[in-house]
Amino acid sequence: MSRNEIEEIVRNFLIEDLEIDEEKIKNDAKLKDDMGIDSLDFVDIVVIVERNFGFKIKPEEMVGVETLNDFCDYIERKIA
């Protein structure tokens, strides 16, 4: 799966499942501060990532993941 495909899938679930405004979704946007993703949203993200990418997110692996770009990097590393 290419980086563009990963970004497209992530973008789609942020808009459709988490109802985040499209204009807030930028690579350098902070997940919590800029996009308003909270701990309840994170539970949904875990399920969505498993469904779309086939792996479970481990909280300890998310340390340092602050921006949308960081999150896509994390997914890319996990499925490579």
Protein backbone atom coordinates (compact mmCIF):
# COMPACT_ATOMS: atom_id res chain seq x y z
CA MET A 1 0.00 0.00 0.00
CA SER A 2 1.38 3.39 -0.98
CA ARG A 3 1.72 6.43 1.28
CA ASN A 4 -0.95 8.20 -0.78
CA GLU A 5 -3.37 5.31 -0.21
CA ILE A 6 -2.69 5.39 3.54
CA GLU A 7 -3.29 9.15 3.66
CA GLU A 8 -6.51 8.82 1.65
CA ILE A 9 -7.91 6.10 3.94
CA VAL A 10 -6.98 8.09 7.07
CA ARG A 11 -8.46 11.29 5.62
CA ASN A 12 -11.70 9.51 4.74
CA PHE A 13 -12.23 7.98 8.17
CA LEU A 14 -11.40 11.25 9.91
CA ILE A 15 -14.09 12.99 7.85
CA GLU A 16 -16.70 10.24 7.70
CA ASP A 17 -16.35 8.38 11.00
CA LEU A 18 -15.04 11.07 13.34
CA GLU A 19 -16.79 13.96 11.57
CA ILE A 20 -13.73 16.21 11.57
CA ASP A 21 -14.00 19.24 9.31
CA GLU A 22 -12.02 18.68 6.13
CA GLU A 23 -10.23 22.03 6.40
CA LYS A 24 -8.71 20.93 9.74
CA ILE A 25 -7.08 17.88 8.15
CA LYS A 26 -3.54 18.89 7.25
CA ASN A 27 -0.32 16.88 7.52
CA ASP A 28 1.09 19.14 10.23
CA ALA A 29 -2.20 19.36 12.17
CA LYS A 30 -1.94 18.14 15.76
CA LEU A 31 -4.36 15.29 16.40
CA LYS A 32 -5.56 16.59 19.77
CA ASP A 33 -5.06 20.34 19.60
CA ASP A 34 -5.91 21.11 15.96
CA MET A 35 -8.35 18.32 15.07
CA GLY A 36 -9.92 17.84 18.51
CA ILE A 37 -9.38 14.09 18.69
CA ASP A 38 -10.01 12.92 22.25
CA SER A 39 -9.69 9.62 24.09
CA LEU A 40 -13.14 8.44 22.95
CA ASP A 41 -12.22 9.17 19.34
CA PHE A 42 -9.01 7.23 19.84
CA VAL A 43 -11.03 4.11 20.73
CA ASP A 44 -12.81 4.46 17.37
CA ILE A 45 -9.49 5.02 15.60
CA VAL A 46 -8.12 1.75 17.02
CA VAL A 47 -11.08 -0.16 15.56
CA ILE A 48 -10.93 1.68 12.22
CA VAL A 49 -7.18 1.12 11.83
CA GLU A 50 -7.57 -2.57 12.56
CA ARG A 51 -10.38 -2.85 10.00
CA ASN A 52 -8.56 -0.89 7.28
CA PHE A 53 -4.92 -1.81 7.85
CA GLY A 54 -5.06 -5.16 9.66
CA PHE A 55 -3.14 -4.41 12.87
CA LYS A 56 -3.94 -3.29 16.40
CA ILE A 57 -2.57 -0.02 17.72
CA LYS A 58 -0.58 -0.42 20.92
CA PRO A 59 -0.73 2.72 23.08
CA GLU A 60 2.99 2.53 23.90
CA GLU A 61 3.78 2.70 20.17
CA MET A 62 1.84 5.96 19.85
CA VAL A 63 4.24 7.90 22.10
CA GLY A 64 5.47 10.84 20.07
CA VAL A 65 2.66 10.63 17.51
CA GLU A 66 1.28 14.15 17.63
CA THR A 67 0.47 15.20 14.07
CA LEU A 68 -1.45 13.65 11.22
CA ASN A 69 1.86 13.12 9.42
CA ASP A 70 3.26 11.27 12.46
CA PHE A 71 0.17 9.07 12.50
CA CYS A 72 0.50 8.20 8.80
CA ASP A 73 4.23 7.49 9.35
CA TYR A 74 3.28 5.12 12.17
CA ILE A 75 0.78 3.25 9.96
CA GLU A 76 3.28 3.09 7.11
CA ARG A 77 5.92 1.53 9.39
CA LYS A 78 3.45 -1.02 10.77
CA ILE A 79 2.27 -2.30 7.38
CA ALA A 80 5.64 -2.21 5.61
